[in-house]
N, C-alpha and C. Protein backbone atom coordinates (compact mmCIF):
# COMPACT_ATOMS: atom_id res chain seq x y z
N MET A 1 130.64 56.08 145.49
CA MET A 1 131.62 56.68 146.28
C MET A 1 131.76 55.69 147.48
N SER A 2 133.01 55.16 147.77
CA SER A 2 133.35 54.19 148.92
C SER A 2 133.91 54.97 150.12
N THR A 3 133.82 54.33 151.13
CA THR A 3 134.14 54.77 152.55
C THR A 3 135.51 54.07 152.76
N THR A 4 136.37 54.92 153.29
CA THR A 4 137.66 54.33 153.68
C THR A 4 137.76 53.54 155.04
N ALA A 5 138.23 52.53 154.96
CA ALA A 5 138.22 51.55 156.20
C ALA A 5 139.81 51.41 156.56
N VAL A 6 140.16 51.71 157.68
CA VAL A 6 141.63 51.54 157.92
C VAL A 6 141.86 50.27 158.95
N PHE A 7 142.62 49.51 158.53
CA PHE A 7 142.95 48.06 159.39
C PHE A 7 144.24 48.34 159.88
N TYR A 8 144.28 48.47 161.26
CA TYR A 8 145.54 48.70 161.93
C TYR A 8 145.93 47.13 162.43
N HIS A 9 147.17 46.98 162.44
CA HIS A 9 147.68 45.55 162.91
C HIS A 9 149.06 45.60 163.11
N ALA A 10 149.68 44.52 163.85
CA ALA A 10 150.97 44.40 164.16
C ALA A 10 151.73 43.26 163.39
N GLY A 11 151.13 42.60 162.57
CA GLY A 11 151.69 41.46 161.75
C GLY A 11 151.57 40.22 162.65
N CYS A 12 151.01 40.12 163.71
CA CYS A 12 151.09 39.00 164.45
C CYS A 12 150.07 37.88 163.88
N PRO A 13 150.11 36.62 164.33
CA PRO A 13 149.14 35.74 163.80
C PRO A 13 147.68 35.94 163.82
N VAL A 14 147.22 36.85 164.97
CA VAL A 14 145.91 37.09 165.31
C VAL A 14 145.66 38.21 164.18
N CYS A 15 146.50 39.20 164.00
CA CYS A 15 146.29 40.27 162.92
C CYS A 15 146.08 39.71 161.66
N VAL A 16 147.02 38.79 161.19
CA VAL A 16 147.00 38.40 159.90
C VAL A 16 145.58 37.60 159.57
N SER A 17 145.18 36.78 160.67
CA SER A 17 143.98 36.12 160.46
C SER A 17 142.71 37.11 160.30
N ALA A 18 142.96 38.12 161.24
CA ALA A 18 141.73 39.06 161.01
C ALA A 18 141.85 39.87 159.65
N GLU A 19 143.00 40.28 159.20
CA GLU A 19 143.07 40.82 157.85
C GLU A 19 142.61 39.93 156.81
N GLU A 20 142.83 38.54 156.82
CA GLU A 20 142.46 37.87 155.79
C GLU A 20 140.89 37.42 155.82
N THR A 21 140.38 37.35 157.03
CA THR A 21 138.89 37.11 157.03
C THR A 21 137.90 38.12 157.26
N ILE A 22 138.41 39.30 157.83
CA ILE A 22 137.48 40.33 158.00
C ILE A 22 137.77 41.68 156.99
N ALA A 23 138.94 42.09 157.17
CA ALA A 23 139.32 43.34 156.25
C ALA A 23 139.06 43.03 154.79
N ARG A 24 139.46 41.89 154.34
CA ARG A 24 139.42 41.52 152.92
C ARG A 24 137.94 41.08 152.54
N SER A 25 137.14 40.87 153.63
CA SER A 25 135.82 40.47 153.31
C SER A 25 134.86 41.81 153.03
N LEU A 26 135.38 42.95 153.24
CA LEU A 26 134.54 44.07 153.02
C LEU A 26 134.46 44.25 151.53
N ASP A 27 133.25 44.69 151.08
CA ASP A 27 132.78 44.84 149.64
C ASP A 27 133.65 45.96 149.19
N PRO A 28 134.54 45.84 148.19
CA PRO A 28 135.36 46.70 147.66
C PRO A 28 134.73 47.93 146.97
N ASN A 29 133.37 47.62 146.53
CA ASN A 29 132.47 48.65 146.03
C ASN A 29 132.03 49.78 146.97
N GLN A 30 132.05 49.33 148.23
CA GLN A 30 131.85 50.19 149.33
C GLN A 30 132.84 50.70 150.16
N PHE A 31 133.79 50.01 150.33
CA PHE A 31 135.07 50.23 151.10
C PHE A 31 136.44 50.30 150.48
N ALA A 32 137.04 51.35 150.70
CA ALA A 32 138.65 51.31 150.17
C ALA A 32 139.36 51.05 151.53
N VAL A 33 139.87 49.81 151.55
CA VAL A 33 140.47 49.27 152.81
C VAL A 33 141.95 49.57 152.68
N GLU A 34 142.60 50.24 153.68
CA GLU A 34 144.09 50.56 153.90
C GLU A 34 144.27 49.79 154.98
N SER A 35 145.51 48.98 154.82
CA SER A 35 146.00 47.98 155.91
C SER A 35 147.19 48.85 156.33
N VAL A 36 147.37 49.21 157.64
CA VAL A 36 148.50 49.83 158.22
C VAL A 36 149.19 48.81 159.11
N HIS A 37 150.38 48.45 159.12
CA HIS A 37 151.29 47.60 159.83
C HIS A 37 152.14 48.55 160.73
N LEU A 38 151.57 48.48 161.88
CA LEU A 38 152.18 49.48 162.86
C LEU A 38 153.52 49.04 163.42
N GLY A 39 153.68 47.81 163.42
CA GLY A 39 154.95 47.29 163.75
C GLY A 39 156.16 47.73 162.65
N GLU A 40 155.90 48.18 161.46
CA GLU A 40 156.57 48.45 160.37
C GLU A 40 156.46 50.04 160.12
N ASP A 41 155.53 50.58 160.41
CA ASP A 41 155.32 51.98 160.33
C ASP A 41 154.89 52.74 161.72
N ARG A 42 155.75 52.70 162.49
CA ARG A 42 155.50 53.16 163.88
C ARG A 42 155.00 54.52 163.85
N SER A 43 155.36 55.29 162.77
CA SER A 43 154.85 56.88 162.85
C SER A 43 153.29 56.92 162.65
N ARG A 44 152.78 55.88 162.55
CA ARG A 44 151.25 55.96 162.45
C ARG A 44 150.44 55.61 163.82
N VAL A 45 151.18 55.23 164.82
CA VAL A 45 150.73 54.66 166.09
C VAL A 45 149.93 55.83 166.68
N GLY A 46 150.22 56.98 166.63
CA GLY A 46 149.77 58.32 167.17
C GLY A 46 148.38 58.71 166.47
N GLU A 47 148.28 58.29 165.20
CA GLU A 47 147.11 58.27 164.40
C GLU A 47 146.22 57.30 164.90
N ALA A 48 146.48 56.03 165.03
CA ALA A 48 145.73 54.98 165.41
C ALA A 48 145.11 55.35 166.95
N GLU A 49 146.08 55.77 167.56
CA GLU A 49 145.60 56.23 169.07
C GLU A 49 144.43 57.31 169.10
N ALA A 50 144.78 58.34 168.49
CA ALA A 50 143.77 59.36 167.97
C ALA A 50 142.53 58.78 167.54
N ALA A 51 142.41 57.86 166.67
CA ALA A 51 141.22 57.25 166.20
C ALA A 51 140.53 56.46 167.30
N GLY A 52 141.07 56.11 168.41
CA GLY A 52 140.49 55.39 169.50
C GLY A 52 140.95 53.92 169.58
N VAL A 53 141.93 53.65 168.90
CA VAL A 53 142.30 52.31 168.70
C VAL A 53 143.28 51.92 170.01
N GLN A 54 143.03 50.95 170.68
CA GLN A 54 143.65 50.57 172.12
C GLN A 54 144.26 49.31 172.02
N SER A 55 143.96 48.53 170.87
CA SER A 55 144.75 47.25 170.53
C SER A 55 144.53 46.84 169.41
N VAL A 56 145.37 46.05 168.80
CA VAL A 56 145.34 45.53 167.42
C VAL A 56 145.26 44.04 167.50
N PRO A 57 144.32 43.52 166.38
CA PRO A 57 143.93 44.15 165.34
C PRO A 57 142.60 44.99 165.55
N ALA A 58 142.63 46.13 164.78
CA ALA A 58 141.36 46.97 164.85
C ALA A 58 141.00 47.53 163.43
N LEU A 59 139.77 47.83 163.18
CA LEU A 59 139.39 48.30 162.00
C LEU A 59 138.46 49.58 162.30
N VAL A 60 138.90 50.75 161.68
CA VAL A 60 138.26 51.88 161.74
C VAL A 60 137.38 52.27 160.41
N ILE A 61 136.21 52.39 160.82
CA ILE A 61 135.29 52.83 159.61
C ILE A 61 134.41 53.90 160.21
N ASP A 62 134.38 55.22 159.37
CA ASP A 62 133.65 56.36 159.83
C ASP A 62 133.95 56.66 161.38
N GLY A 63 135.11 56.58 161.79
CA GLY A 63 135.19 57.20 163.21
C GLY A 63 134.77 56.16 164.16
N ASN A 64 134.36 54.91 163.89
CA ASN A 64 133.96 53.81 164.71
C ASN A 64 135.02 52.79 164.74
N VAL A 65 135.63 52.36 165.91
CA VAL A 65 136.85 51.45 166.09
C VAL A 65 135.99 50.14 166.40
N PHE A 66 136.49 49.15 165.68
CA PHE A 66 136.14 47.80 165.92
C PHE A 66 137.29 47.14 166.28
N HIS A 67 137.45 46.71 167.73
CA HIS A 67 138.53 46.02 168.01
C HIS A 67 138.41 44.27 167.76
N ILE A 68 139.24 43.78 167.21
CA ILE A 68 139.01 42.27 166.69
C ILE A 68 139.84 41.54 167.60
N ASN A 69 139.46 40.67 168.40
CA ASN A 69 140.21 39.66 169.29
C ASN A 69 141.11 40.65 170.08
N HIS A 70 142.33 40.10 170.22
CA HIS A 70 143.41 40.86 171.13
C HIS A 70 144.71 40.24 170.64
N GLY A 71 145.55 41.05 169.82
CA GLY A 71 146.71 40.70 169.34
C GLY A 71 147.91 41.25 170.29
N ALA A 72 147.74 42.68 170.43
CA ALA A 72 148.63 43.55 171.15
C ALA A 72 148.04 44.84 171.54
N ASP A 73 148.42 45.19 172.71
CA ASP A 73 148.11 46.64 173.04
C ASP A 73 148.93 47.53 172.23
N LEU A 74 148.04 48.60 171.91
CA LEU A 74 148.74 49.83 171.17
C LEU A 74 149.93 50.25 171.89
N SER A 75 149.92 50.34 173.27
CA SER A 75 151.26 50.82 173.94
C SER A 75 152.36 50.02 173.59
N ALA A 76 152.29 48.64 173.21
CA ALA A 76 153.38 47.85 173.00
C ALA A 76 154.18 48.34 171.80
N LEU A 77 153.51 48.94 170.88
CA LEU A 77 153.98 49.32 169.62
C LEU A 77 154.66 50.60 169.65
N LYS A 78 154.70 51.46 170.62
CA LYS A 78 155.29 52.72 170.62
C LYS A 78 156.87 52.51 171.00
């Protein structure tokens, strides 16, 4: 059984790099990774905010938020 990992991003160069190096490095046998581009799907900004995401790129696994570098504040995507 795999755990869902949600990678929130805004498509910026920092986000793309984080997705390529971190999100895609997770073992697919252990993690089902969903990539959410908040710049294109603003309807999910509230979901990210409720999960504790403050800036993107961020990876959420089992309720734990891992902020990766700093591409954009979540408030900028509202």
